[in-house]
């Protein structure tokens, strides 16, 4: 359990690295004061453009993926791999480098899924892309894609019951972090993807 505890702590610290803040600061922009004030790639896209957003996206995906990859390399098993991934997502959402504040965890969650359950990850990503393509709402894409994630696990990775539990927990985390977006979508005040801040 000492090994698992250390891995959970390491994953949380990895998840806490605020790539959006770092990249925006390099451009002379305080990301917490522009656009939606979120630290993720969508706000970076609105505030700084495509390339800074792409770098933020890759960084946030990588930290989720590497956390789970370390757990897999050390042979902790599917359930603990999932818990390590969730720890990385929580690190992003409640970063120790930002006083417990953070983002919504979508890119970091995708990074976790790419290692944890690749087939379900691809379906989740495709669902997100389709919804965003047709609606231009990044938040709606995340809500739909991760809302269906437990079903994707049952369809494409059904052999591990532990993975379904992890999928449900990740879905709950994503939906909780998007409550304000859901309210804005219902009111018609949510900003579309790429809309300048």
N, C-alpha and C. Protein backbone atom coordinates (compact mmCIF):
# COMPACT_ATOMS: atom_id res chain seq x y z
N UNK A 1 0.83 -1.22 0.00
CA UNK A 1 0.00 0.00 0.00
C UNK A 1 0.85 1.26 0.00
N UNK A 2 2.09 1.13 0.51
CA UNK A 2 2.98 2.30 0.49
C UNK A 2 3.26 2.70 -0.96
N UNK A 3 3.51 1.68 -1.81
CA UNK A 3 3.76 1.95 -3.23
C UNK A 3 2.57 2.64 -3.87
N UNK A 4 1.36 2.15 -3.60
CA UNK A 4 0.15 2.74 -4.18
C UNK A 4 -0.02 4.17 -3.70
N UNK A 5 0.20 4.38 -2.40
CA UNK A 5 0.05 5.73 -1.84
C UNK A 5 1.02 6.70 -2.49
N UNK A 6 2.26 6.27 -2.69
CA UNK A 6 3.26 7.12 -3.34
C UNK A 6 2.86 7.42 -4.78
N UNK A 7 2.35 6.41 -5.48
CA UNK A 7 1.93 6.61 -6.86
C UNK A 7 0.75 7.57 -6.96
N UNK A 8 -0.17 7.48 -6.01
CA UNK A 8 -1.31 8.40 -5.98
C UNK A 8 -0.84 9.84 -5.77
N UNK A 9 0.15 10.02 -4.89
CA UNK A 9 0.69 11.35 -4.62
C UNK A 9 1.42 11.89 -5.85
N UNK A 10 2.25 11.03 -6.46
CA UNK A 10 2.98 11.43 -7.67
C UNK A 10 2.00 11.82 -8.78
N UNK A 11 0.94 11.02 -8.95
CA UNK A 11 -0.06 11.31 -9.98
C UNK A 11 -0.74 12.65 -9.72
N UNK A 12 -1.05 12.92 -8.47
CA UNK A 12 -1.70 14.19 -8.13
C UNK A 12 -0.78 15.37 -8.44
N UNK A 13 0.50 15.22 -8.12
CA UNK A 13 1.46 16.29 -8.42
C UNK A 13 1.60 16.48 -9.93
N UNK A 14 1.69 15.37 -10.66
CA UNK A 14 1.75 15.46 -12.13
C UNK A 14 0.52 16.17 -12.68
N UNK A 15 -0.65 15.76 -12.20
CA UNK A 15 -1.88 16.37 -12.67
C UNK A 15 -1.97 17.84 -12.33
N UNK A 16 -1.28 18.24 -11.26
CA UNK A 16 -1.35 19.63 -10.81
C UNK A 16 -0.57 20.60 -11.69
N UNK A 17 0.32 20.07 -12.54
CA UNK A 17 1.13 20.97 -13.39
C UNK A 17 0.20 21.74 -14.33
N UNK A 18 0.12 23.06 -14.19
CA UNK A 18 -0.84 23.85 -14.99
C UNK A 18 -0.24 24.32 -16.32
N UNK A 19 -0.23 23.44 -17.30
CA UNK A 19 0.40 23.77 -18.57
C UNK A 19 -0.19 25.02 -19.22
N UNK A 20 -1.51 25.18 -19.12
CA UNK A 20 -2.14 26.36 -19.70
C UNK A 20 -1.62 27.65 -19.08
N UNK A 21 -1.49 27.66 -17.76
CA UNK A 21 -0.97 28.83 -17.05
C UNK A 21 0.47 29.10 -17.46
N UNK A 22 1.28 28.05 -17.52
CA UNK A 22 2.70 28.19 -17.87
C UNK A 22 2.85 28.75 -19.28
N UNK A 23 2.11 28.18 -20.24
CA UNK A 23 2.21 28.61 -21.64
C UNK A 23 1.69 30.04 -21.81
N UNK A 24 0.58 30.35 -21.14
CA UNK A 24 0.04 31.71 -21.23
C UNK A 24 1.00 32.73 -20.61
N UNK A 25 1.61 32.35 -19.49
CA UNK A 25 2.54 33.26 -18.82
C UNK A 25 3.74 33.55 -19.71
N UNK A 26 4.18 32.54 -20.47
CA UNK A 26 5.29 32.74 -21.40
C UNK A 26 4.93 33.75 -22.49
N UNK A 27 3.62 33.89 -22.73
CA UNK A 27 3.12 34.86 -23.72
C UNK A 27 2.74 36.18 -23.06
N UNK A 28 2.98 36.28 -21.75
CA UNK A 28 2.66 37.52 -21.05
C UNK A 28 1.20 37.67 -20.69
N UNK A 29 0.46 36.55 -20.62
CA UNK A 29 -0.98 36.59 -20.34
C UNK A 29 -1.27 35.83 -19.06
N UNK A 30 -2.08 36.43 -18.19
CA UNK A 30 -2.55 35.74 -16.99
C UNK A 30 -3.86 35.04 -17.34
N UNK A 31 -3.80 33.73 -17.54
CA UNK A 31 -4.97 32.98 -18.02
C UNK A 31 -6.13 33.03 -17.05
N UNK A 32 -5.84 33.25 -15.78
CA UNK A 32 -6.90 33.30 -14.78
C UNK A 32 -7.68 34.61 -14.81
N UNK A 33 -7.25 35.54 -15.69
CA UNK A 33 -7.92 36.84 -15.77
C UNK A 33 -8.54 37.11 -17.14
N UNK A 34 -8.47 36.13 -18.04
CA UNK A 34 -9.02 36.33 -19.38
C UNK A 34 -10.01 35.23 -19.74
N UNK A 35 -10.89 35.54 -20.68
CA UNK A 35 -11.85 34.55 -21.15
C UNK A 35 -12.71 33.98 -20.05
N UNK A 36 -12.78 32.65 -20.02
CA UNK A 36 -13.56 31.97 -18.99
C UNK A 36 -12.78 31.82 -17.69
N UNK A 37 -11.50 32.24 -17.69
CA UNK A 37 -10.59 32.13 -16.54
C UNK A 37 -10.23 30.67 -16.22
N UNK A 38 -10.57 29.77 -17.13
CA UNK A 38 -10.22 28.37 -16.95
C UNK A 38 -8.80 28.13 -17.44
N UNK A 39 -8.13 27.12 -16.87
CA UNK A 39 -6.72 26.89 -17.21
C UNK A 39 -6.53 25.92 -18.37
N UNK A 40 -7.63 25.45 -18.96
CA UNK A 40 -7.54 24.44 -20.00
C UNK A 40 -7.33 24.98 -21.41
N UNK A 41 -7.24 24.03 -22.34
CA UNK A 41 -6.92 24.36 -23.74
C UNK A 41 -7.99 25.21 -24.41
N UNK A 42 -9.27 25.03 -24.04
CA UNK A 42 -10.34 25.80 -24.68
C UNK A 42 -10.18 27.28 -24.40
N UNK A 43 -9.86 27.63 -23.16
CA UNK A 43 -9.66 29.04 -22.83
C UNK A 43 -8.37 29.58 -23.42
N UNK A 44 -7.35 28.73 -23.51
CA UNK A 44 -6.11 29.15 -24.17
C UNK A 44 -6.39 29.43 -25.65
N UNK A 45 -7.22 28.60 -26.28
CA UNK A 45 -7.58 28.82 -27.67
C UNK A 45 -8.27 30.17 -27.84
N UNK A 46 -9.22 30.46 -26.96
CA UNK A 46 -9.94 31.73 -27.05
C UNK A 46 -9.02 32.92 -26.81
N UNK A 47 -8.08 32.76 -25.90
CA UNK A 47 -7.28 33.89 -25.44
C UNK A 47 -5.97 34.07 -26.20
N UNK A 48 -5.37 32.95 -26.68
CA UNK A 48 -4.04 33.03 -27.27
C UNK A 48 -3.93 32.43 -28.66
N UNK A 49 -4.89 31.60 -29.07
CA UNK A 49 -4.83 31.03 -30.41
C UNK A 49 -4.52 29.55 -30.43
N UNK A 50 -4.36 29.02 -31.64
CA UNK A 50 -4.31 27.57 -31.85
C UNK A 50 -3.06 26.90 -31.29
N UNK A 51 -1.88 27.44 -31.59
CA UNK A 51 -0.66 26.74 -31.19
C UNK A 51 -0.49 26.68 -29.67
N UNK A 52 -0.69 27.78 -28.96
CA UNK A 52 -0.63 27.67 -27.49
C UNK A 52 -1.68 26.70 -26.95
N UNK A 53 -2.87 26.68 -27.58
CA UNK A 53 -3.92 25.75 -27.15
C UNK A 53 -3.51 24.31 -27.40
N UNK A 54 -2.88 24.06 -28.55
CA UNK A 54 -2.43 22.71 -28.89
C UNK A 54 -1.37 22.22 -27.89
N UNK A 55 -0.45 23.10 -27.53
CA UNK A 55 0.58 22.74 -26.56
C UNK A 55 -0.03 22.45 -25.19
N UNK A 56 -1.01 23.26 -24.81
CA UNK A 56 -1.71 23.04 -23.54
C UNK A 56 -2.42 21.70 -23.55
N UNK A 57 -3.12 21.42 -24.64
CA UNK A 57 -3.86 20.16 -24.78
C UNK A 57 -2.91 18.96 -24.66
N UNK A 58 -1.80 19.02 -25.37
CA UNK A 58 -0.83 17.92 -25.34
C UNK A 58 -0.25 17.74 -23.94
N UNK A 59 0.07 18.85 -23.28
CA UNK A 59 0.61 18.77 -21.93
C UNK A 59 -0.38 18.16 -20.95
N UNK A 60 -1.64 18.58 -21.05
CA UNK A 60 -2.66 18.06 -20.14
C UNK A 60 -2.97 16.59 -20.41
N UNK A 61 -2.95 16.20 -21.68
CA UNK A 61 -3.13 14.78 -22.02
C UNK A 61 -1.95 13.96 -21.50
N UNK A 62 -0.75 14.46 -21.72
CA UNK A 62 0.45 13.72 -21.36
C UNK A 62 0.51 13.42 -19.86
N UNK A 63 0.14 14.39 -19.02
CA UNK A 63 0.28 14.17 -17.58
C UNK A 63 -0.68 13.08 -17.08
N UNK A 64 -1.85 12.98 -17.69
CA UNK A 64 -2.77 11.90 -17.34
C UNK A 64 -2.26 10.56 -17.82
N UNK A 65 -1.72 10.55 -19.04
CA UNK A 65 -1.22 9.31 -19.63
C UNK A 65 -0.01 8.78 -18.88
N UNK A 66 0.92 9.66 -18.56
CA UNK A 66 2.16 9.21 -17.90
C UNK A 66 1.88 8.69 -16.50
N UNK A 67 0.91 9.27 -15.81
CA UNK A 67 0.57 8.80 -14.46
C UNK A 67 0.10 7.35 -14.50
N UNK A 68 -0.80 7.04 -15.44
CA UNK A 68 -1.31 5.67 -15.56
C UNK A 68 -0.24 4.74 -16.09
N UNK A 69 0.58 5.22 -17.01
CA UNK A 69 1.65 4.40 -17.58
C UNK A 69 2.64 3.97 -16.49
N UNK A 70 2.92 4.84 -15.54
CA UNK A 70 3.83 4.48 -14.44
C UNK A 70 3.21 3.36 -13.62
N UNK A 71 1.92 3.50 -13.31
CA UNK A 71 1.23 2.45 -12.56
C UNK A 71 1.23 1.12 -13.29
N UNK A 72 1.02 1.17 -14.60
CA UNK A 72 1.02 -0.06 -15.39
C UNK A 72 2.41 -0.69 -15.42
N UNK A 73 3.42 0.14 -15.58
CA UNK A 73 4.80 -0.37 -15.61
C UNK A 73 5.14 -1.09 -14.30
N UNK A 74 4.62 -0.58 -13.20
CA UNK A 74 4.90 -1.17 -11.90
C UNK A 74 3.93 -2.28 -11.54
N UNK A 75 3.00 -2.60 -12.44
CA UNK A 75 2.12 -3.76 -12.29
C UNK A 75 1.12 -3.66 -11.14
N UNK A 76 0.50 -2.49 -10.99
CA UNK A 76 -0.42 -2.32 -9.86
C UNK A 76 -1.80 -2.91 -10.12
N UNK A 77 -2.12 -3.22 -11.37
CA UNK A 77 -3.42 -3.80 -11.71
C UNK A 77 -4.43 -2.75 -12.15
N UNK A 78 -5.47 -3.16 -12.88
CA UNK A 78 -6.44 -2.23 -13.48
C UNK A 78 -7.13 -1.28 -12.50
N UNK A 79 -7.56 -1.78 -11.34
CA UNK A 79 -8.28 -0.92 -10.40
C UNK A 79 -7.38 0.20 -9.90
N UNK A 80 -6.17 -0.14 -9.50
CA UNK A 80 -5.26 0.89 -8.98
C UNK A 80 -4.75 1.80 -10.10
N UNK A 81 -4.59 1.25 -11.31
CA UNK A 81 -4.26 2.12 -12.44
C UNK A 81 -5.33 3.21 -12.59
N UNK A 82 -6.59 2.78 -12.49
CA UNK A 82 -7.69 3.73 -12.60
C UNK A 82 -7.68 4.76 -11.49
N UNK A 83 -7.41 4.33 -10.28
CA UNK A 83 -7.36 5.26 -9.14
C UNK A 83 -6.20 6.24 -9.28
N UNK A 84 -5.09 5.76 -9.82
CA UNK A 84 -3.96 6.65 -10.09
C UNK A 84 -4.35 7.68 -11.14
N UNK A 85 -5.07 7.23 -12.17
CA UNK A 85 -5.56 8.16 -13.19
C UNK A 85 -6.49 9.20 -12.60
N UNK A 86 -7.39 8.78 -11.74
CA UNK A 86 -8.31 9.71 -11.09
C UNK A 86 -7.55 10.71 -10.23
N UNK A 87 -6.48 10.25 -9.58
CA UNK A 87 -5.66 11.15 -8.79
C UNK A 87 -5.03 12.24 -9.66
N UNK A 88 -4.59 11.87 -10.86
CA UNK A 88 -4.03 12.86 -11.80
C UNK A 88 -5.10 13.86 -12.22
N UNK A 89 -6.32 13.36 -12.48
CA UNK A 89 -7.43 14.25 -12.86
C UNK A 89 -7.75 15.21 -11.72
N UNK A 90 -7.79 14.70 -10.50
CA UNK A 90 -8.05 15.55 -9.34
C UNK A 90 -6.94 16.59 -9.16
N UNK A 91 -5.70 16.19 -9.48
CA UNK A 91 -4.60 17.14 -9.43
C UNK A 91 -4.81 18.29 -10.39
N UNK A 92 -5.29 17.97 -11.59
CA UNK A 92 -5.59 19.03 -12.56
C UNK A 92 -6.74 19.91 -12.07
N UNK A 93 -7.76 19.29 -11.52
CA UNK A 93 -8.94 20.03 -11.08
C UNK A 93 -8.69 20.89 -9.84
N UNK A 94 -7.77 20.42 -8.99
CA UNK A 94 -7.51 21.10 -7.72
C UNK A 94 -5.99 21.21 -7.52
N UNK A 95 -5.36 21.93 -8.41
CA UNK A 95 -3.90 21.98 -8.48
C UNK A 95 -3.26 22.54 -7.21
N UNK A 96 -2.25 21.84 -6.72
CA UNK A 96 -1.50 22.34 -5.56
C UNK A 96 -0.71 23.59 -5.91
N UNK A 97 -0.46 23.80 -7.21
CA UNK A 97 0.29 24.98 -7.64
C UNK A 97 -0.61 26.20 -7.84
N UNK A 98 -1.92 25.99 -7.75
CA UNK A 98 -2.88 27.09 -7.95
C UNK A 98 -3.79 27.25 -6.74
N UNK A 99 -3.30 26.83 -5.60
CA UNK A 99 -4.07 27.00 -4.37
C UNK A 99 -5.35 26.18 -4.33
N UNK A 100 -5.33 25.01 -4.95
CA UNK A 100 -6.50 24.14 -4.94
C UNK A 100 -7.50 24.42 -6.04
N UNK A 101 -7.17 25.37 -6.92
CA UNK A 101 -8.04 25.65 -8.07
C UNK A 101 -7.49 24.94 -9.30
N UNK A 102 -8.28 24.85 -10.35
CA UNK A 102 -7.80 24.16 -11.54
C UNK A 102 -8.81 24.16 -12.66
N UNK A 103 -8.68 23.17 -13.54
CA UNK A 103 -9.52 23.11 -14.72
C UNK A 103 -10.64 22.10 -14.58
N UNK A 104 -11.14 21.66 -15.72
CA UNK A 104 -12.30 20.76 -15.74
C UNK A 104 -11.89 19.30 -15.97
N UNK A 105 -10.65 19.07 -16.36
CA UNK A 105 -10.13 17.72 -16.39
C UNK A 105 -10.39 16.91 -17.65
N UNK A 106 -10.87 17.54 -18.71
CA UNK A 106 -11.23 16.77 -19.91
C UNK A 106 -10.00 16.19 -20.59
N UNK A 107 -9.01 17.04 -20.90
CA UNK A 107 -7.82 16.56 -21.59
C UNK A 107 -7.04 15.57 -20.73
N UNK A 108 -6.92 15.85 -19.44
CA UNK A 108 -6.21 14.94 -18.55
C UNK A 108 -6.94 13.60 -18.46
N UNK A 109 -8.26 13.64 -18.44
CA UNK A 109 -9.04 12.40 -18.44
C UNK A 109 -8.81 11.61 -19.71
N UNK A 110 -8.75 12.29 -20.84
CA UNK A 110 -8.47 11.59 -22.11
C UNK A 110 -7.09 10.93 -22.07
N UNK A 111 -6.11 11.63 -21.49
CA UNK A 111 -4.79 11.06 -21.36
C UNK A 111 -4.80 9.79 -20.52
N UNK A 112 -5.56 9.83 -19.44
CA UNK A 112 -5.72 8.65 -18.60
C UNK A 112 -6.32 7.50 -19.41
N UNK A 113 -7.36 7.81 -20.16
CA UNK A 113 -8.08 6.77 -20.91
C UNK A 113 -7.24 6.16 -22.02
N UNK A 114 -6.38 6.95 -22.65
CA UNK A 114 -5.57 6.42 -23.75
C UNK A 114 -4.67 5.27 -23.29
N UNK A 115 -4.24 5.31 -22.04
CA UNK A 115 -3.44 4.21 -21.50
C UNK A 115 -4.33 3.17 -20.85
N UNK A 116 -5.33 3.62 -20.12
CA UNK A 116 -6.16 2.73 -19.29
C UNK A 116 -7.08 1.85 -20.11
N UNK A 117 -7.73 2.43 -21.12
CA UNK A 117 -8.68 1.69 -21.95
C UNK A 117 -8.70 2.31 -23.35
N UNK A 118 -7.71 2.01 -24.18
CA UNK A 118 -7.52 2.70 -25.46
C UNK A 118 -8.74 2.70 -26.38
N UNK A 119 -9.44 1.56 -26.49
CA UNK A 119 -10.59 1.51 -27.40
C UNK A 119 -11.70 2.46 -26.95
N UNK A 120 -12.03 2.42 -25.67
CA UNK A 120 -13.05 3.33 -25.15
C UNK A 120 -12.58 4.78 -25.25
N UNK A 121 -11.27 4.99 -25.13
CA UNK A 121 -10.72 6.35 -25.24
C UNK A 121 -10.95 6.91 -26.64
N UNK A 122 -10.70 6.09 -27.65
CA UNK A 122 -10.88 6.53 -29.04
C UNK A 122 -12.35 6.88 -29.30
N UNK A 123 -13.26 6.04 -28.81
CA UNK A 123 -14.69 6.31 -28.99
C UNK A 123 -15.08 7.60 -28.27
N UNK A 124 -14.56 7.79 -27.06
CA UNK A 124 -14.86 9.01 -26.30
C UNK A 124 -14.36 10.24 -27.04
N UNK A 125 -13.14 10.16 -27.56
CA UNK A 125 -12.58 11.28 -28.32
C UNK A 125 -13.40 11.57 -29.57
N UNK A 126 -13.78 10.51 -30.30
CA UNK A 126 -14.59 10.70 -31.52
C UNK A 126 -15.94 11.32 -31.21
N UNK A 127 -16.55 10.90 -30.13
CA UNK A 127 -17.83 11.49 -29.72
C UNK A 127 -17.67 12.97 -29.42
N UNK A 128 -16.60 13.30 -28.69
CA UNK A 128 -16.33 14.70 -28.38
C UNK A 128 -16.14 15.51 -29.66
N UNK A 129 -15.34 14.99 -30.58
CA UNK A 129 -15.08 15.70 -31.84
C UNK A 129 -16.35 15.89 -32.66
N UNK A 130 -17.19 14.85 -32.71
CA UNK A 130 -18.45 14.95 -33.48
C UNK A 130 -19.38 16.00 -32.91
N UNK A 131 -19.54 15.99 -31.59
CA UNK A 131 -20.43 16.97 -30.96
C UNK A 131 -19.90 18.39 -31.16
N UNK A 132 -18.59 18.56 -30.99
CA UNK A 132 -17.99 19.88 -31.17
C UNK A 132 -18.11 20.33 -32.62
N UNK A 133 -17.90 19.41 -33.55
CA UNK A 133 -17.99 19.74 -34.98
C UNK A 133 -19.38 20.27 -35.34
N UNK A 134 -20.41 19.62 -34.83
CA UNK A 134 -21.77 19.99 -35.20
C UNK A 134 -22.35 21.13 -34.36
N UNK A 135 -21.86 21.30 -33.14
CA UNK A 135 -22.45 22.32 -32.26
C UNK A 135 -21.51 23.48 -31.95
N UNK A 136 -20.20 23.25 -32.09
CA UNK A 136 -19.16 24.24 -31.75
C UNK A 136 -19.03 24.48 -30.25
N UNK A 137 -19.64 23.60 -29.44
CA UNK A 137 -19.54 23.73 -27.98
C UNK A 137 -18.61 22.65 -27.43
N UNK A 138 -17.43 23.06 -26.96
CA UNK A 138 -16.49 22.11 -26.37
C UNK A 138 -17.07 21.46 -25.12
N UNK A 139 -17.74 22.26 -24.30
CA UNK A 139 -18.30 21.73 -23.06
C UNK A 139 -19.36 20.67 -23.33
N UNK A 140 -20.21 20.91 -24.33
CA UNK A 140 -21.24 19.93 -24.66
C UNK A 140 -20.61 18.64 -25.17
N UNK A 141 -19.53 18.78 -25.95
CA UNK A 141 -18.81 17.59 -26.40
C UNK A 141 -18.32 16.76 -25.24
N UNK A 142 -17.74 17.42 -24.23
CA UNK A 142 -17.23 16.70 -23.06
C UNK A 142 -18.36 16.05 -22.27
N UNK A 143 -19.46 16.77 -22.11
CA UNK A 143 -20.60 16.25 -21.34
C UNK A 143 -21.17 15.00 -22.00
N UNK A 144 -21.35 15.05 -23.32
CA UNK A 144 -21.91 13.92 -24.05
C UNK A 144 -20.92 12.75 -24.08
N UNK A 145 -19.67 13.05 -24.44
CA UNK A 145 -18.67 11.98 -24.61
C UNK A 145 -18.41 11.25 -23.29
N UNK A 146 -18.24 12.00 -22.22
CA UNK A 146 -17.96 11.35 -20.94
C UNK A 146 -19.22 10.84 -20.26
N UNK A 147 -20.37 11.42 -20.61
CA UNK A 147 -21.62 10.88 -20.11
C UNK A 147 -21.86 9.47 -20.62
N UNK A 148 -21.37 9.21 -21.84
CA UNK A 148 -21.52 7.88 -22.45
C UNK A 148 -20.33 6.96 -22.18
N UNK A 149 -19.32 7.47 -21.49
CA UNK A 149 -18.11 6.70 -21.28
C UNK A 149 -18.35 5.35 -20.57
N UNK A 150 -19.15 5.29 -19.52
CA UNK A 150 -19.38 3.96 -18.89
C UNK A 150 -19.99 2.95 -19.86
N UNK A 151 -20.86 3.43 -20.76
CA UNK A 151 -21.45 2.53 -21.75
C UNK A 151 -20.37 2.05 -22.72
N UNK A 152 -19.45 2.94 -23.08
CA UNK A 152 -18.35 2.55 -23.97
C UNK A 152 -17.47 1.49 -23.33
N UNK A 153 -17.27 1.60 -22.01
CA UNK A 153 -16.50 0.57 -21.30
C UNK A 153 -17.20 -0.78 -21.41
N UNK A 154 -18.51 -0.79 -21.19
CA UNK A 154 -19.27 -2.04 -21.27
C UNK A 154 -19.21 -2.65 -22.67
N UNK A 155 -19.20 -1.78 -23.69
CA UNK A 155 -19.21 -2.27 -25.07
C UNK A 155 -17.83 -2.67 -25.57
N UNK A 156 -16.81 -1.90 -25.20
CA UNK A 156 -15.50 -2.08 -25.83
C UNK A 156 -14.41 -2.60 -24.88
N UNK A 157 -14.68 -2.63 -23.58
CA UNK A 157 -13.69 -3.14 -22.63
C UNK A 157 -14.41 -3.79 -21.45
N UNK A 158 -15.22 -4.81 -21.72
CA UNK A 158 -16.13 -5.34 -20.71
C UNK A 158 -15.52 -6.35 -19.74
N UNK A 159 -14.27 -6.70 -19.90
CA UNK A 159 -13.69 -7.80 -19.14
C UNK A 159 -13.35 -7.45 -17.69
N UNK A 160 -13.24 -6.16 -17.39
CA UNK A 160 -12.84 -5.76 -16.05
C UNK A 160 -13.93 -4.93 -15.39
N UNK A 161 -14.56 -5.49 -14.33
CA UNK A 161 -15.58 -4.75 -13.60
C UNK A 161 -14.99 -3.53 -12.91
N UNK A 162 -13.72 -3.63 -12.53
CA UNK A 162 -13.05 -2.50 -11.90
C UNK A 162 -13.01 -1.29 -12.81
N UNK A 163 -12.87 -1.53 -14.11
CA UNK A 163 -12.81 -0.42 -15.07
C UNK A 163 -14.15 0.30 -15.16
N UNK A 164 -15.24 -0.42 -15.03
CA UNK A 164 -16.55 0.22 -15.06
C UNK A 164 -16.70 1.16 -13.87
N UNK A 165 -16.25 0.74 -12.72
CA UNK A 165 -16.30 1.59 -11.53
C UNK A 165 -15.49 2.86 -11.74
N UNK A 166 -14.29 2.71 -12.29
CA UNK A 166 -13.44 3.87 -12.58
C UNK A 166 -14.11 4.78 -13.61
N UNK A 167 -14.73 4.18 -14.63
CA UNK A 167 -15.41 4.96 -15.68
C UNK A 167 -16.52 5.81 -15.08
N UNK A 168 -17.30 5.24 -14.19
CA UNK A 168 -18.39 5.97 -13.54
C UNK A 168 -17.85 7.13 -12.71
N UNK A 169 -16.76 6.88 -11.99
CA UNK A 169 -16.16 7.93 -11.16
C UNK A 169 -15.63 9.08 -12.03
N UNK A 170 -14.98 8.75 -13.15
CA UNK A 170 -14.46 9.79 -14.05
C UNK A 170 -15.62 10.59 -14.64
N UNK A 171 -16.68 9.90 -15.04
CA UNK A 171 -17.86 10.59 -15.58
C UNK A 171 -18.44 11.55 -14.56
N UNK A 172 -18.56 11.11 -13.32
CA UNK A 172 -19.09 11.98 -12.26
C UNK A 172 -18.21 13.22 -12.09
N UNK A 173 -16.88 13.02 -12.09
CA UNK A 173 -15.97 14.16 -11.96
C UNK A 173 -16.16 15.17 -13.09
N UNK A 174 -16.25 14.66 -14.32
CA UNK A 174 -16.41 15.54 -15.48
C UNK A 174 -17.73 16.31 -15.39
N UNK A 175 -18.80 15.62 -15.06
CA UNK A 175 -20.11 16.28 -15.01
C UNK A 175 -20.17 17.32 -13.90
N UNK A 176 -19.58 17.01 -12.74
CA UNK A 176 -19.57 17.98 -11.64
C UNK A 176 -18.82 19.25 -12.05
N UNK A 177 -17.69 19.08 -12.73
CA UNK A 177 -16.89 20.24 -13.14
C UNK A 177 -17.55 21.03 -14.26
N UNK A 178 -18.57 20.46 -14.88
CA UNK A 178 -19.26 21.15 -15.97
C UNK A 178 -20.66 21.65 -15.58
N UNK A 179 -20.96 21.68 -14.31
CA UNK A 179 -22.28 22.14 -13.89
C UNK A 179 -22.57 23.56 -14.39
N UNK A 180 -21.57 24.45 -14.25
CA UNK A 180 -21.79 25.83 -14.71
C UNK A 180 -21.98 25.89 -16.23
N UNK A 181 -21.27 25.02 -16.97
CA UNK A 181 -21.44 24.97 -18.42
C UNK A 181 -22.82 24.45 -18.80
N UNK A 182 -23.30 23.47 -18.07
CA UNK A 182 -24.65 22.95 -18.31
C UNK A 182 -25.68 24.05 -18.13
N UNK A 183 -25.52 24.84 -17.08
CA UNK A 183 -26.45 25.95 -16.82
C UNK A 183 -26.38 26.99 -17.93
N UNK A 184 -25.16 27.29 -18.40
CA UNK A 184 -25.00 28.26 -19.49
C UNK A 184 -25.58 27.73 -20.80
N UNK A 185 -25.39 26.44 -21.05
CA UNK A 185 -25.97 25.84 -22.26
C UNK A 185 -27.49 25.94 -22.24
N UNK A 186 -28.06 25.71 -21.08
CA UNK A 186 -29.52 25.77 -20.95
C UNK A 186 -30.03 27.21 -21.13
N UNK A 187 -29.21 28.18 -20.72
CA UNK A 187 -29.59 29.59 -20.85
C UNK A 187 -29.22 30.18 -22.21
N UNK A 188 -28.40 29.44 -22.97
CA UNK A 188 -27.95 29.94 -24.26
C UNK A 188 -26.83 30.95 -24.18
N UNK A 189 -26.08 30.95 -23.08
CA UNK A 189 -25.01 31.92 -22.87
C UNK A 189 -23.61 31.28 -22.95
N UNK A 190 -23.54 29.98 -23.24
CA UNK A 190 -22.24 29.32 -23.32
C UNK A 190 -21.49 29.77 -24.58
N UNK A 191 -20.18 30.03 -24.41
CA UNK A 191 -19.36 30.43 -25.55
C UNK A 191 -19.02 29.25 -26.42
N UNK A 192 -18.93 29.50 -27.72
CA UNK A 192 -18.60 28.44 -28.66
C UNK A 192 -17.09 28.27 -28.79
N UNK A 193 -16.70 27.12 -29.31
CA UNK A 193 -15.29 26.78 -29.47
C UNK A 193 -14.61 27.81 -30.38
N UNK A 194 -13.47 28.32 -29.90
CA UNK A 194 -12.68 29.26 -30.70
C UNK A 194 -13.17 30.68 -30.67
N UNK A 195 -14.29 30.94 -30.02
CA UNK A 195 -14.80 32.31 -29.91
C UNK A 195 -13.82 33.13 -29.09
N UNK A 196 -13.37 34.24 -29.63
CA UNK A 196 -12.32 35.01 -28.98
C UNK A 196 -12.80 35.61 -27.67
N UNK A 197 -11.87 35.62 -26.70
CA UNK A 197 -12.21 36.20 -25.39
C UNK A 197 -12.27 37.71 -25.49
